[in-house]
Amino acid sequence: TADGKYTFLSSSMVREMAMYEANLDGLVPNEI
């Protein structure tokens, strides 16, 4: 089971947020 703080998180959500230049801190590894 996912850690509670990641239950909302998906790659598609990250892609959408990145398209609109939203803050990705705490969502993706800093390395990438």
PDB file of all heavy atoms in Angstrom:
ATOM      1  N   THR A   1       0.846  -1.190   0.000  1.00  0.00           N
ATOM      2  CA  THR A   1       0.000   0.000   0.000  1.00  0.00           C
ATOM      3  C   THR A   1       0.881   1.240   0.000  1.00  0.00           C
ATOM      4  O   THR A   1       1.949   1.275   0.605  1.00  0.00           O
ATOM      5  CB  THR A   1      -0.929   0.027   1.224  1.00  0.00           C
ATOM      6  OG1 THR A   1      -0.149  -0.082   2.409  1.00  0.00           O
ATOM      7  CG2 THR A   1      -1.940  -1.101   1.157  1.00  0.00           C
ATOM      8  N   ALA A   2       0.426   2.232  -0.717  1.00  0.00           N
ATOM      9  CA  ALA A   2       1.164   3.485  -0.818  1.00  0.00           C
ATOM     10  C   ALA A   2       1.236   4.172   0.531  1.00  0.00           C
ATOM     11  O   ALA A   2       0.299   4.088   1.332  1.00  0.00           O
ATOM     12  CB  ALA A   2       0.482   4.403  -1.823  1.00  0.00           C
ATOM     13  N   ASP A   3       2.330   4.839   0.766  1.00  0.00           N
ATOM     14  CA  ASP A   3       2.440   5.725   1.912  1.00  0.00           C
ATOM     15  C   ASP A   3       1.345   6.783   1.745  1.00  0.00           C
ATOM     16  O   ASP A   3       1.102   7.264   0.633  1.00  0.00           O
ATOM     17  CB  ASP A   3       3.829   6.373   1.906  1.00  0.00           C
ATOM     18  CG  ASP A   3       4.100   7.220   3.124  1.00  0.00           C
ATOM     19  OD1 ASP A   3       3.325   8.168   3.374  1.00  0.00           O
ATOM     20  OD2 ASP A   3       5.083   6.947   3.820  1.00  0.00           O
ATOM     21  N   GLY A   4       0.663   7.121   2.814  1.00  0.00           N
ATOM     22  CA  GLY A   4      -0.478   8.041   2.750  1.00  0.00           C
ATOM     23  C   GLY A   4      -0.210   9.328   2.008  1.00  0.00           C
ATOM     24  O   GLY A   4      -1.086   9.837   1.300  1.00  0.00           O
ATOM     25  N   LYS A   5       1.004   9.859   2.122  1.00  0.00           N
ATOM     26  CA  LYS A   5       1.289  11.135   1.466  1.00  0.00           C
ATOM     27  C   LYS A   5       1.409  11.021  -0.051  1.00  0.00           C
ATOM     28  O   LYS A   5       1.497  12.033  -0.737  1.00  0.00           O
ATOM     29  CB  LYS A   5       2.532  11.784   2.065  1.00  0.00           C
ATOM     30  CG  LYS A   5       3.803  11.026   1.894  1.00  0.00           C
ATOM     31  CD  LYS A   5       4.936  11.724   2.641  1.00  0.00           C
ATOM     32  CE  LYS A   5       6.194  10.870   2.650  1.00  0.00           C
ATOM     33  NZ  LYS A   5       7.217  11.463   3.484  1.00  0.00           N
ATOM     34  N   TYR A   6       1.399   9.783  -0.576  1.00  0.00           N
ATOM     35  CA  TYR A   6       1.501   9.594  -2.025  1.00  0.00           C
ATOM     36  C   TYR A   6       0.241   9.004  -2.655  1.00  0.00           C
ATOM     37  O   TYR A   6       0.226   8.689  -3.837  1.00  0.00           O
ATOM     38  CB  TYR A   6       2.691   8.685  -2.365  1.00  0.00           C
ATOM     39  CG  TYR A   6       4.007   9.224  -1.861  1.00  0.00           C
ATOM     40  CD1 TYR A   6       4.790   8.475  -0.992  1.00  0.00           C
ATOM     41  CD2 TYR A   6       4.465  10.476  -2.240  1.00  0.00           C
ATOM     42  CE1 TYR A   6       5.997   8.965  -0.520  1.00  0.00           C
ATOM     43  CE2 TYR A   6       5.662  10.978  -1.770  1.00  0.00           C
ATOM     44  CZ  TYR A   6       6.426  10.214  -0.913  1.00  0.00           C
ATOM     45  OH  TYR A   6       7.619  10.701  -0.444  1.00  0.00           O
ATOM     46  N   THR A   7      -0.829   8.859  -1.893  1.00  0.00           N
ATOM     47  CA  THR A   7      -2.027   8.208  -2.428  1.00  0.00           C
ATOM     48  C   THR A   7      -2.671   9.000  -3.569  1.00  0.00           C
ATOM     49  O   THR A   7      -3.370   8.424  -4.395  1.00  0.00           O
ATOM     50  CB  THR A   7      -3.080   7.958  -1.333  1.00  0.00           C
ATOM     51  OG1 THR A   7      -3.387   9.192  -0.698  1.00  0.00           O
ATOM     52  CG2 THR A   7      -2.583   6.950  -0.312  1.00  0.00           C
ATOM     53  N   PHE A   8      -2.425  10.273  -3.646  1.00  0.00           N
ATOM     54  CA  PHE A   8      -2.995  11.121  -4.700  1.00  0.00           C
ATOM     55  C   PHE A   8      -2.079  11.227  -5.918  1.00  0.00           C
ATOM     56  O   PHE A   8      -2.486  11.737  -6.965  1.00  0.00           O
ATOM     57  CB  PHE A   8      -3.217  12.543  -4.159  1.00  0.00           C
ATOM     58  CG  PHE A   8      -1.913  13.259  -3.891  1.00  0.00           C
ATOM     59  CD1 PHE A   8      -1.341  14.058  -4.871  1.00  0.00           C
ATOM     60  CD2 PHE A   8      -1.250  13.094  -2.682  1.00  0.00           C
ATOM     61  CE1 PHE A   8      -0.123  14.692  -4.637  1.00  0.00           C
ATOM     62  CE2 PHE A   8      -0.041  13.723  -2.446  1.00  0.00           C
ATOM     63  CZ  PHE A   8       0.522  14.521  -3.429  1.00  0.00           C
ATOM     64  N   LEU A   9      -0.847  10.758  -5.810  1.00  0.00           N
ATOM     65  CA  LEU A   9       0.194  11.057  -6.787  1.00  0.00           C
ATOM     66  C   LEU A   9       0.215  10.074  -7.948  1.00  0.00           C
ATOM     67  O   LEU A   9       0.175   8.869  -7.747  1.00  0.00           O
ATOM     68  CB  LEU A   9       1.553  11.041  -6.064  1.00  0.00           C
ATOM     69  CG  LEU A   9       2.786  11.460  -6.842  1.00  0.00           C
ATOM     70  CD1 LEU A   9       2.629  12.845  -7.434  1.00  0.00           C
ATOM     71  CD2 LEU A   9       4.001  11.397  -5.914  1.00  0.00           C
ATOM     72  N   SER A  10       0.307  10.608  -9.154  1.00  0.00           N
ATOM     73  CA  SER A  10       0.428   9.781 -10.361  1.00  0.00           C
ATOM     74  C   SER A  10       1.350  10.489 -11.352  1.00  0.00           C
ATOM     75  O   SER A  10       1.524  11.708 -11.296  1.00  0.00           O
ATOM     76  CB  SER A  10      -0.933   9.545 -11.004  1.00  0.00           C
ATOM     77  OG  SER A  10      -1.429  10.758 -11.537  1.00  0.00           O
ATOM     78  N   SER A  11       1.907   9.712 -12.260  1.00  0.00           N
ATOM     79  CA  SER A  11       2.762  10.287 -13.310  1.00  0.00           C
ATOM     80  C   SER A  11       1.977  11.270 -14.166  1.00  0.00           C
ATOM     81  O   SER A  11       2.491  12.318 -14.555  1.00  0.00           O
ATOM     82  CB  SER A  11       3.344   9.180 -14.189  1.00  0.00           C
ATOM     83  OG  SER A  11       4.233   8.390 -13.452  1.00  0.00           O
ATOM     84  N   SER A  12       0.727  10.927 -14.481  1.00  0.00           N
ATOM     85  CA  SER A  12      -0.074  11.828 -15.324  1.00  0.00           C
ATOM     86  C   SER A  12      -0.314  13.162 -14.617  1.00  0.00           C
ATOM     87  O   SER A  12      -0.295  14.219 -15.257  1.00  0.00           O
ATOM     88  CB  SER A  12      -1.388  11.178 -15.741  1.00  0.00           C
ATOM     89  OG  SER A  12      -2.128  10.777 -14.625  1.00  0.00           O
ATOM     90  N   MET A  13      -0.492  13.121 -13.291  1.00  0.00           N
ATOM     91  CA  MET A  13      -0.662  14.358 -12.538  1.00  0.00           C
ATOM     92  C   MET A  13       0.617  15.197 -12.596  1.00  0.00           C
ATOM     93  O   MET A  13       0.566  16.412 -12.786  1.00  0.00           O
ATOM     94  CB  MET A  13      -1.035  14.054 -11.087  1.00  0.00           C
ATOM     95  CG  MET A  13      -1.288  15.289 -10.255  1.00  0.00           C
ATOM     96  SD  MET A  13      -1.705  14.905  -8.556  1.00  0.00           S
ATOM     97  CE  MET A  13      -3.225  14.014  -8.804  1.00  0.00           C
ATOM     98  N   VAL A  14       1.762  14.538 -12.452  1.00  0.00           N
ATOM     99  CA  VAL A  14       3.046  15.238 -12.511  1.00  0.00           C
ATOM    100  C   VAL A  14       3.241  15.869 -13.887  1.00  0.00           C
ATOM    101  O   VAL A  14       3.659  17.025 -13.998  1.00  0.00           O
ATOM    102  CB  VAL A  14       4.213  14.280 -12.163  1.00  0.00           C
ATOM    103  CG1 VAL A  14       5.562  14.890 -12.548  1.00  0.00           C
ATOM    104  CG2 VAL A  14       4.181  13.923 -10.688  1.00  0.00           C
ATOM    105  N   ARG A  15       2.930  15.127 -14.950  1.00  0.00           N
ATOM    106  CA  ARG A  15       3.069  15.673 -16.308  1.00  0.00           C
ATOM    107  C   ARG A  15       2.203  16.915 -16.481  1.00  0.00           C
ATOM    108  O   ARG A  15       2.642  17.923 -17.020  1.00  0.00           O
ATOM    109  CB  ARG A  15       2.701  14.624 -17.358  1.00  0.00           C
ATOM    110  CG  ARG A  15       3.711  13.522 -17.511  1.00  0.00           C
ATOM    111  CD  ARG A  15       3.447  12.671 -18.741  1.00  0.00           C
ATOM    112  NE  ARG A  15       2.092  12.179 -18.857  1.00  0.00           N
ATOM    113  CZ  ARG A  15       1.646  11.021 -18.359  1.00  0.00           C
ATOM    114  NH1 ARG A  15       2.463  10.250 -17.667  1.00  0.00           N
ATOM    115  NH2 ARG A  15       0.401  10.652 -18.522  1.00  0.00           N
ATOM    116  N   GLU A  16       0.958  16.821 -16.017  1.00  0.00           N
ATOM    117  CA  GLU A  16       0.036  17.951 -16.146  1.00  0.00           C
ATOM    118  C   GLU A  16       0.540  19.155 -15.355  1.00  0.00           C
ATOM    119  O   GLU A  16       0.533  20.290 -15.853  1.00  0.00           O
ATOM    120  CB  GLU A  16      -1.357  17.529 -15.658  1.00  0.00           C
ATOM    121  CG  GLU A  16      -2.430  18.562 -15.884  1.00  0.00           C
ATOM    122  CD  GLU A  16      -2.872  18.681 -17.341  1.00  0.00           C
ATOM    123  OE1 GLU A  16      -2.521  17.812 -18.159  1.00  0.00           O
ATOM    124  OE2 GLU A  16      -3.554  19.667 -17.647  1.00  0.00           O
ATOM    125  N   MET A  17       0.983  18.925 -14.139  1.00  0.00           N
ATOM    126  CA  MET A  17       1.501  20.023 -13.320  1.00  0.00           C
ATOM    127  C   MET A  17       2.727  20.655 -13.972  1.00  0.00           C
ATOM    128  O   MET A  17       2.861  21.880 -13.991  1.00  0.00           O
ATOM    129  CB  MET A  17       1.832  19.514 -11.917  1.00  0.00           C
ATOM    130  CG  MET A  17       0.618  19.140 -11.096  1.00  0.00           C
ATOM    131  SD  MET A  17       1.058  18.436  -9.495  1.00  0.00           S
ATOM    132  CE  MET A  17       1.795  19.863  -8.695  1.00  0.00           C
ATOM    133  N   ALA A  18       3.608  19.830 -14.495  1.00  0.00           N
ATOM    134  CA  ALA A  18       4.824  20.335 -15.130  1.00  0.00           C
ATOM    135  C   ALA A  18       4.494  21.170 -16.363  1.00  0.00           C
ATOM    136  O   ALA A  18       5.167  22.170 -16.642  1.00  0.00           O
ATOM    137  CB  ALA A  18       5.749  19.175 -15.492  1.00  0.00           C
ATOM    138  N   MET A  19       3.457  20.768 -17.096  1.00  0.00           N
ATOM    139  CA  MET A  19       3.052  21.524 -18.295  1.00  0.00           C
ATOM    140  C   MET A  19       2.659  22.962 -17.938  1.00  0.00           C
ATOM    141  O   MET A  19       2.843  23.865 -18.734  1.00  0.00           O
ATOM    142  CB  MET A  19       1.867  20.831 -18.970  1.00  0.00           C
ATOM    143  CG  MET A  19       2.196  19.492 -19.542  1.00  0.00           C
ATOM    144  SD  MET A  19       2.646  19.546 -21.246  1.00  0.00           S
ATOM    145  CE  MET A  19       1.094  19.865 -22.003  1.00  0.00           C
ATOM    146  N   TYR A  20       2.114  23.129 -16.740  1.00  0.00           N
ATOM    147  CA  TYR A  20       1.684  24.450 -16.301  1.00  0.00           C
ATOM    148  C   TYR A  20       2.642  25.069 -15.294  1.00  0.00           C
ATOM    149  O   TYR A  20       2.284  26.006 -14.586  1.00  0.00           O
ATOM    150  CB  TYR A  20       0.253  24.368 -15.748  1.00  0.00           C
ATOM    151  CG  TYR A  20      -0.725  24.049 -16.848  1.00  0.00           C
ATOM    152  CD1 TYR A  20      -1.119  22.738 -17.093  1.00  0.00           C
ATOM    153  CD2 TYR A  20      -1.203  25.054 -17.681  1.00  0.00           C
ATOM    154  CE1 TYR A  20      -1.991  22.437 -18.135  1.00  0.00           C
ATOM    155  CE2 TYR A  20      -2.073  24.763 -18.731  1.00  0.00           C
ATOM    156  CZ  TYR A  20      -2.452  23.449 -18.943  1.00  0.00           C
ATOM    157  OH  TYR A  20      -3.303  23.157 -19.983  1.00  0.00           O
ATOM    158  N   GLU A  21       3.855  24.505 -15.260  1.00  0.00           N
ATOM    159  CA  GLU A  21       4.957  25.031 -14.451  1.00  0.00           C
ATOM    160  C   GLU A  21       4.622  25.109 -12.963  1.00  0.00           C
ATOM    161  O   GLU A  21       5.097  26.001 -12.259  1.00  0.00           O
ATOM    162  CB  GLU A  21       5.409  26.377 -15.009  1.00  0.00           C
ATOM    163  CG  GLU A  21       5.875  26.271 -16.452  1.00  0.00           C
ATOM    164  CD  GLU A  21       6.239  27.599 -17.091  1.00  0.00           C
ATOM    165  OE1 GLU A  21       6.249  28.632 -16.390  1.00  0.00           O
ATOM    166  OE2 GLU A  21       6.507  27.598 -18.298  1.00  0.00           O
ATOM    167  N   ALA A  22       3.831  24.166 -12.480  1.00  0.00           N
ATOM    168  CA  ALA A  22       3.525  24.094 -11.050  1.00  0.00           C
ATOM    169  C   ALA A  22       4.734  23.524 -10.299  1.00  0.00           C
ATOM    170  O   ALA A  22       5.593  22.859 -10.886  1.00  0.00           O
ATOM    171  CB  ALA A  22       2.301  23.218 -10.820  1.00  0.00           C
ATOM    172  N   ASN A  23       4.785  23.764  -9.025  1.00  0.00           N
ATOM    173  CA  ASN A  23       5.882  23.300  -8.176  1.00  0.00           C
ATOM    174  C   ASN A  23       5.838  21.778  -8.031  1.00  0.00           C
ATOM    175  O   ASN A  23       4.829  21.228  -7.590  1.00  0.00           O
ATOM    176  CB  ASN A  23       5.758  23.982  -6.807  1.00  0.00           C
ATOM    177  CG  ASN A  23       6.890  23.654  -5.881  1.00  0.00           C
ATOM    178  OD1 ASN A  23       7.719  22.789  -6.153  1.00  0.00           O
ATOM    179  ND2 ASN A  23       6.937  24.353  -4.766  1.00  0.00           N
ATOM    180  N   LEU A  24       6.932  21.108  -8.362  1.00  0.00           N
ATOM    181  CA  LEU A  24       7.013  19.650  -8.276  1.00  0.00           C
ATOM    182  C   LEU A  24       7.742  19.169  -7.028  1.00  0.00           C
ATOM    183  O   LEU A  24       7.969  17.962  -6.874  1.00  0.00           O
ATOM    184  CB  LEU A  24       7.699  19.088  -9.528  1.00  0.00           C
ATOM    185  CG  LEU A  24       7.036  19.395 -10.865  1.00  0.00           C
ATOM    186  CD1 LEU A  24       7.846  18.771 -12.007  1.00  0.00           C
ATOM    187  CD2 LEU A  24       5.599  18.905 -10.876  1.00  0.00           C
ATOM    188  N   ASP A  25       8.092  20.088  -6.134  1.00  0.00           N
ATOM    189  CA  ASP A  25       8.785  19.694  -4.899  1.00  0.00           C
ATOM    190  C   ASP A  25       7.936  18.696  -4.122  1.00  0.00           C
ATOM    191  O   ASP A  25       6.723  18.875  -3.970  1.00  0.00           O
ATOM    192  CB  ASP A  25       9.054  20.914  -4.005  1.00  0.00           C
ATOM    193  CG  ASP A  25      10.108  21.842  -4.582  1.00  0.00           C
ATOM    194  OD1 ASP A  25      10.823  21.430  -5.522  1.00  0.00           O
ATOM    195  OD2 ASP A  25      10.219  22.990  -4.088  1.00  0.00           O
ATOM    196  N   GLY A  26       8.574  17.635  -3.645  1.00  0.00           N
ATOM    197  CA  GLY A  26       7.882  16.632  -2.855  1.00  0.00           C
ATOM    198  C   GLY A  26       7.071  15.641  -3.680  1.00  0.00           C
ATOM    199  O   GLY A  26       6.371  14.800  -3.124  1.00  0.00           O
ATOM    200  N   LEU A  27       7.158  15.741  -5.012  1.00  0.00           N
ATOM    201  CA  LEU A  27       6.402  14.849  -5.885  1.00  0.00           C
ATOM    202  C   LEU A  27       7.299  13.941  -6.724  1.00  0.00           C
ATOM    203  O   LEU A  27       6.912  12.817  -7.039  1.00  0.00           O
ATOM    204  CB  LEU A  27       5.492  15.660  -6.822  1.00  0.00           C
ATOM    205  CG  LEU A  27       4.513  16.612  -6.155  1.00  0.00           C
ATOM    206  CD1 LEU A  27       3.725  17.378  -7.197  1.00  0.00           C
ATOM    207  CD2 LEU A  27       3.589  15.862  -5.213  1.00  0.00           C
ATOM    208  N   VAL A  28       8.458  14.447  -7.098  1.00  0.00           N
ATOM    209  CA  VAL A  28       9.392  13.690  -7.930  1.00  0.00           C
ATOM    210  C   VAL A  28      10.788  13.760  -7.314  1.00  0.00           C
ATOM    211  O   VAL A  28      11.094  14.691  -6.567  1.00  0.00           O
ATOM    212  CB  VAL A  28       9.427  14.219  -9.390  1.00  0.00           C
ATOM    213  CG1 VAL A  28       8.066  14.089 -10.049  1.00  0.00           C
ATOM    214  CG2 VAL A  28       9.921  15.646  -9.458  1.00  0.00           C
ATOM    215  N   PRO A  29      11.640  12.785  -7.632  1.00  0.00           N
ATOM    216  CA  PRO A  29      13.012  12.841  -7.111  1.00  0.00           C
ATOM    217  C   PRO A  29      13.728  14.114  -7.587  1.00  0.00           C
ATOM    218  O   PRO A  29      13.581  14.524  -8.748  1.00  0.00           O
ATOM    219  CB  PRO A  29      13.679  11.592  -7.705  1.00  0.00           C
ATOM    220  CG  PRO A  29      12.544  10.669  -8.027  1.00  0.00           C
ATOM    221  CD  PRO A  29      11.399  11.561  -8.397  1.00  0.00           C
ATOM    222  N   ASN A  30      14.492  14.720  -6.686  1.00  0.00           N
ATOM    223  CA  ASN A  30      15.228  15.938  -7.041  1.00  0.00           C
ATOM    224  C   ASN A  30      16.161  15.719  -8.225  1.00  0.00           C
ATOM    225  O   ASN A  30      16.377  16.632  -9.019  1.00  0.00           O
ATOM    226  CB  ASN A  30      16.028  16.451  -5.843  1.00  0.00           C
ATOM    227  CG  ASN A  30      15.134  17.056  -4.787  1.00  0.00           C
ATOM    228  OD1 ASN A  30      14.076  17.611  -5.083  1.00  0.00           O
ATOM    229  ND2 ASN A  30      15.546  16.951  -3.541  1.00  0.00           N
ATOM    230  N   GLU A  31      16.696  14.506  -8.354  1.00  0.00           N
ATOM    231  CA  GLU A  31      17.656  14.197  -9.417  1.00  0.00           C
ATOM    232  C   GLU A  31      17.077  14.399 -10.813  1.00  0.00           C
ATOM    233  O   GLU A  31      17.833  14.577 -11.770  1.00  0.00           O
ATOM    234  CB  GLU A  31      18.137  12.734  -9.316  1.00  0.00           C
ATOM    235  CG  GLU A  31      18.893  12.393  -8.074  1.00  0.00           C
ATOM    236  CD  GLU A  31      18.013  11.894  -6.927  1.00  0.00           C
ATOM    237  OE1 GLU A  31      16.787  12.104  -6.950  1.00  0.00           O
ATOM    238  OE2 GLU A  31      18.577  11.296  -5.991  1.00  0.00           O
ATOM    239  N   ILE A  32      15.758  14.348 -10.932  1.00  0.00           N
ATOM    240  CA  ILE A  32      15.149  14.411 -12.269  1.00  0.00           C
ATOM    241  C   ILE A  32      14.159  15.563 -12.437  1.00  0.00           C
ATOM    242  O   ILE A  32      13.567  15.713 -13.503  1.00  0.00           O
ATOM    243  CB  ILE A  32      14.459  13.077 -12.622  1.00  0.00           C
ATOM    244  CG1 ILE A  32      13.286  12.809 -11.679  1.00  0.00           C
ATOM    245  CG2 ILE A  32      15.466  11.932 -12.609  1.00  0.00           C
ATOM    246  CD1 ILE A  32      12.350  11.717 -12.158  1.00  0.00           C
TER     247      ILE A  32
END
